[in-house]
């Protein structure tokens, strides 16, 4: 749970920087694993 939250935070920030705040919630988790 804790680790998942941290990964989610990182992905959210990364996706926001790219300009995809809407996909950050769903693709954020997938993107973290992809990277």
PDB file of N, CA and C in Angstrom:
ATOM      1  N   UNK A   1       0.833  -1.204   0.000  1.00  0.00           N
ATOM      2  CA  UNK A   1       0.000   0.000   0.000  1.00  0.00           C
ATOM      3  C   UNK A   1       0.871   1.257   0.000  1.00  0.00           C
ATOM      4  N   UNK A   2       1.828   1.307   0.919  1.00  0.00           N
ATOM      5  CA  UNK A   2       2.688   2.481   1.005  1.00  0.00           C
ATOM      6  C   UNK A   2       3.499   2.651  -0.269  1.00  0.00           C
ATOM      7  N   UNK A   3       4.115   1.558  -0.720  1.00  0.00           N
ATOM      8  CA  UNK A   3       4.927   1.631  -1.932  1.00  0.00           C
ATOM      9  C   UNK A   3       4.067   2.019  -3.130  1.00  0.00           C
ATOM     10  N   UNK A   4       2.869   1.440  -3.204  1.00  0.00           N
ATOM     11  CA  UNK A   4       1.972   1.764  -4.310  1.00  0.00           C
ATOM     12  C   UNK A   4       1.645   3.246  -4.347  1.00  0.00           C
ATOM     13  N   UNK A   5       1.446   3.833  -3.159  1.00  0.00           N
ATOM     14  CA  UNK A   5       1.131   5.256  -3.080  1.00  0.00           C
ATOM     15  C   UNK A   5       2.299   6.085  -3.597  1.00  0.00           C
ATOM     16  N   UNK A   6       3.499   5.683  -3.233  1.00  0.00           N
ATOM     17  CA  UNK A   6       4.688   6.423  -3.677  1.00  0.00           C
ATOM     18  C   UNK A   6       4.820   6.355  -5.194  1.00  0.00           C
ATOM     19  N   UNK A   7       4.653   5.150  -5.737  1.00  0.00           N
ATOM     20  CA  UNK A   7       4.741   4.992  -7.191  1.00  0.00           C
ATOM     21  C   UNK A   7       3.663   5.819  -7.878  1.00  0.00           C
ATOM     22  N   UNK A   8       2.470   5.812  -7.275  1.00  0.00           N
ATOM     23  CA  UNK A   8       1.371   6.573  -7.867  1.00  0.00           C
ATOM     24  C   UNK A   8       1.709   8.061  -7.873  1.00  0.00           C
ATOM     25  N   UNK A   9       2.300   8.547  -6.794  1.00  0.00           N
ATOM     26  CA  UNK A   9       2.676   9.959  -6.715  1.00  0.00           C
ATOM     27  C   UNK A   9       3.682  10.301  -7.801  1.00  0.00           C
ATOM     28  N   UNK A  10       4.710   9.461  -7.940  1.00  0.00           N
ATOM     29  CA  UNK A  10       5.743   9.714  -8.941  1.00  0.00           C
ATOM     30  C   UNK A  10       5.164   9.727 -10.343  1.00  0.00           C
ATOM     31  N   UNK A  11       4.316   8.754 -10.643  1.00  0.00           N
ATOM     32  CA  UNK A  11       3.724   8.671 -11.973  1.00  0.00           C
ATOM     33  C   UNK A  11       2.837   9.882 -12.234  1.00  0.00           C
ATOM     34  N   UNK A  12       2.080  10.298 -11.220  1.00  0.00           N
ATOM     35  CA  UNK A  12       1.198  11.455 -11.379  1.00  0.00           C
ATOM     36  C   UNK A  12       2.011  12.690 -11.738  1.00  0.00           C
ATOM     37  N   UNK A  13       3.119  12.890 -11.024  1.00  0.00           N
ATOM     38  CA  UNK A  13       3.962  14.057 -11.291  1.00  0.00           C
ATOM     39  C   UNK A  13       4.565  13.980 -12.685  1.00  0.00           C
ATOM     40  N   UNK A  14       5.052  12.771 -13.069  1.00  0.00           N
ATOM     41  CA  UNK A  14       5.656  12.601 -14.382  1.00  0.00           C
ATOM     42  C   UNK A  14       4.652  12.881 -15.492  1.00  0.00           C
ATOM     43  N   UNK A  15       3.462  12.296 -15.361  1.00  0.00           N
ATOM     44  CA  UNK A  15       2.447  12.482 -16.398  1.00  0.00           C
ATOM     45  C   UNK A  15       1.987  13.931 -16.450  1.00  0.00           C
ATOM     46  N   UNK A  16       1.912  14.586 -15.290  1.00  0.00           N
ATOM     47  CA  UNK A  16       1.517  15.992 -15.265  1.00  0.00           C
ATOM     48  C   UNK A  16       2.547  16.834 -16.003  1.00  0.00           C
ATOM     49  N   UNK A  17       3.819  16.486 -15.855  1.00  0.00           N
ATOM     50  CA  UNK A  17       4.885  17.221 -16.526  1.00  0.00           C
ATOM     51  C   UNK A  17       4.759  17.059 -18.039  1.00  0.00           C
ATOM     52  N   UNK A  18       4.352  15.870 -18.463  1.00  0.00           N
ATOM     53  CA  UNK A  18       4.194  15.596 -19.893  1.00  0.00           C
ATOM     54  C   UNK A  18       2.950  16.305 -20.439  1.00  0.00           C
ATOM     55  N   UNK A  19       1.955  16.459 -19.572  1.00  0.00           N
ATOM     56  CA  UNK A  19       0.730  17.137 -19.998  1.00  0.00           C
ATOM     57  C   UNK A  19      -0.426  16.169 -20.144  1.00  0.00           C
ATOM     58  N   UNK A  20      -0.422  15.095 -19.340  1.00  0.00           N
ATOM     59  CA  UNK A  20      -1.520  14.119 -19.400  1.00  0.00           C
ATOM     60  C   UNK A  20      -2.065  13.859 -17.995  1.00  0.00           C
ATOM     61  N   UNK A  21      -2.725  14.849 -17.398  1.00  0.00           N
ATOM     62  CA  UNK A  21      -3.251  14.703 -16.040  1.00  0.00           C
ATOM     63  C   UNK A  21      -4.449  13.752 -15.990  1.00  0.00           C
ATOM     64  N   UNK A  22      -5.155  13.628 -17.113  1.00  0.00           N
ATOM     65  CA  UNK A  22      -6.329  12.741 -17.134  1.00  0.00           C
ATOM     66  C   UNK A  22      -5.902  11.282 -17.173  1.00  0.00           C
ATOM     67  N   UNK A  23      -4.858  10.975 -17.940  1.00  0.00           N
ATOM     68  CA  UNK A  23      -4.402   9.596 -18.058  1.00  0.00           C
ATOM     69  C   UNK A  23      -3.431   9.219 -16.949  1.00  0.00           C
ATOM     70  N   UNK A  24      -3.099  10.177 -16.097  1.00  0.00           N
ATOM     71  CA  UNK A  24      -2.130   9.905 -15.028  1.00  0.00           C
ATOM     72  C   UNK A  24      -2.678   8.878 -14.042  1.00  0.00           C
ATOM     73  N   UNK A  25      -3.988   8.875 -13.856  1.00  0.00           N
ATOM     74  CA  UNK A  25      -4.581   7.962 -12.876  1.00  0.00           C
ATOM     75  C   UNK A  25      -4.502   6.513 -13.354  1.00  0.00           C
ATOM     76  N   UNK A  26      -4.886   6.264 -14.610  1.00  0.00           N
ATOM     77  CA  UNK A  26      -4.896   4.889 -15.119  1.00  0.00           C
ATOM     78  C   UNK A  26      -3.557   4.515 -15.748  1.00  0.00           C
ATOM     79  N   UNK A  27      -3.108   5.314 -16.713  1.00  0.00           N
ATOM     80  CA  UNK A  27      -1.851   5.020 -17.401  1.00  0.00           C
ATOM     81  C   UNK A  27      -0.645   5.272 -16.509  1.00  0.00           C
ATOM     82  N   UNK A  28      -0.835   6.048 -15.445  1.00  0.00           N
ATOM     83  CA  UNK A  28       0.268   6.326 -14.531  1.00  0.00           C
ATOM     84  C   UNK A  28       0.831   5.044 -13.937  1.00  0.00           C
ATOM     85  N   UNK A  29      -0.054   4.182 -13.481  1.00  0.00           N
ATOM     86  CA  UNK A  29       0.385   2.916 -12.873  1.00  0.00           C
ATOM     87  C   UNK A  29       1.052   2.029 -13.919  1.00  0.00           C
ATOM     88  N   UNK A  30       0.450   1.959 -15.088  1.00  0.00           N
ATOM     89  CA  UNK A  30       1.011   1.136 -16.167  1.00  0.00           C
ATOM     90  C   UNK A  30       2.339   1.721 -16.635  1.00  0.00           C
ATOM     91  N   UNK A  31       2.395   3.042 -16.732  1.00  0.00           N
ATOM     92  CA  UNK A  31       3.616   3.706 -17.176  1.00  0.00           C
ATOM     93  C   UNK A  31       4.781   3.436 -16.237  1.00  0.00           C
ATOM     94  N   UNK A  32       4.484   3.382 -14.944  1.00  0.00           N
ATOM     95  CA  UNK A  32       5.544   3.126 -13.962  1.00  0.00           C
ATOM     96  C   UNK A  32       6.147   1.751 -14.189  1.00  0.00           C
ATOM     97  N   UNK A  33       5.292   0.767 -14.490  1.00  0.00           N
ATOM     98  CA  UNK A  33       5.787  -0.590 -14.731  1.00  0.00           C
ATOM     99  C   UNK A  33       6.527  -0.656 -16.067  1.00  0.00           C
ATOM    100  N   UNK A  34       6.018   0.073 -17.061  1.00  0.00           N
ATOM    101  CA  UNK A  34       6.653   0.091 -18.380  1.00  0.00           C
ATOM    102  C   UNK A  34       8.062   0.654 -18.271  1.00  0.00           C
ATOM    103  N   UNK A  35       8.186   1.760 -17.531  1.00  0.00           N
ATOM    104  CA  UNK A  35       9.497   2.391 -17.364  1.00  0.00           C
ATOM    105  C   UNK A  35      10.357   1.504 -16.484  1.00  0.00           C
TER     106      UNK A  35
END
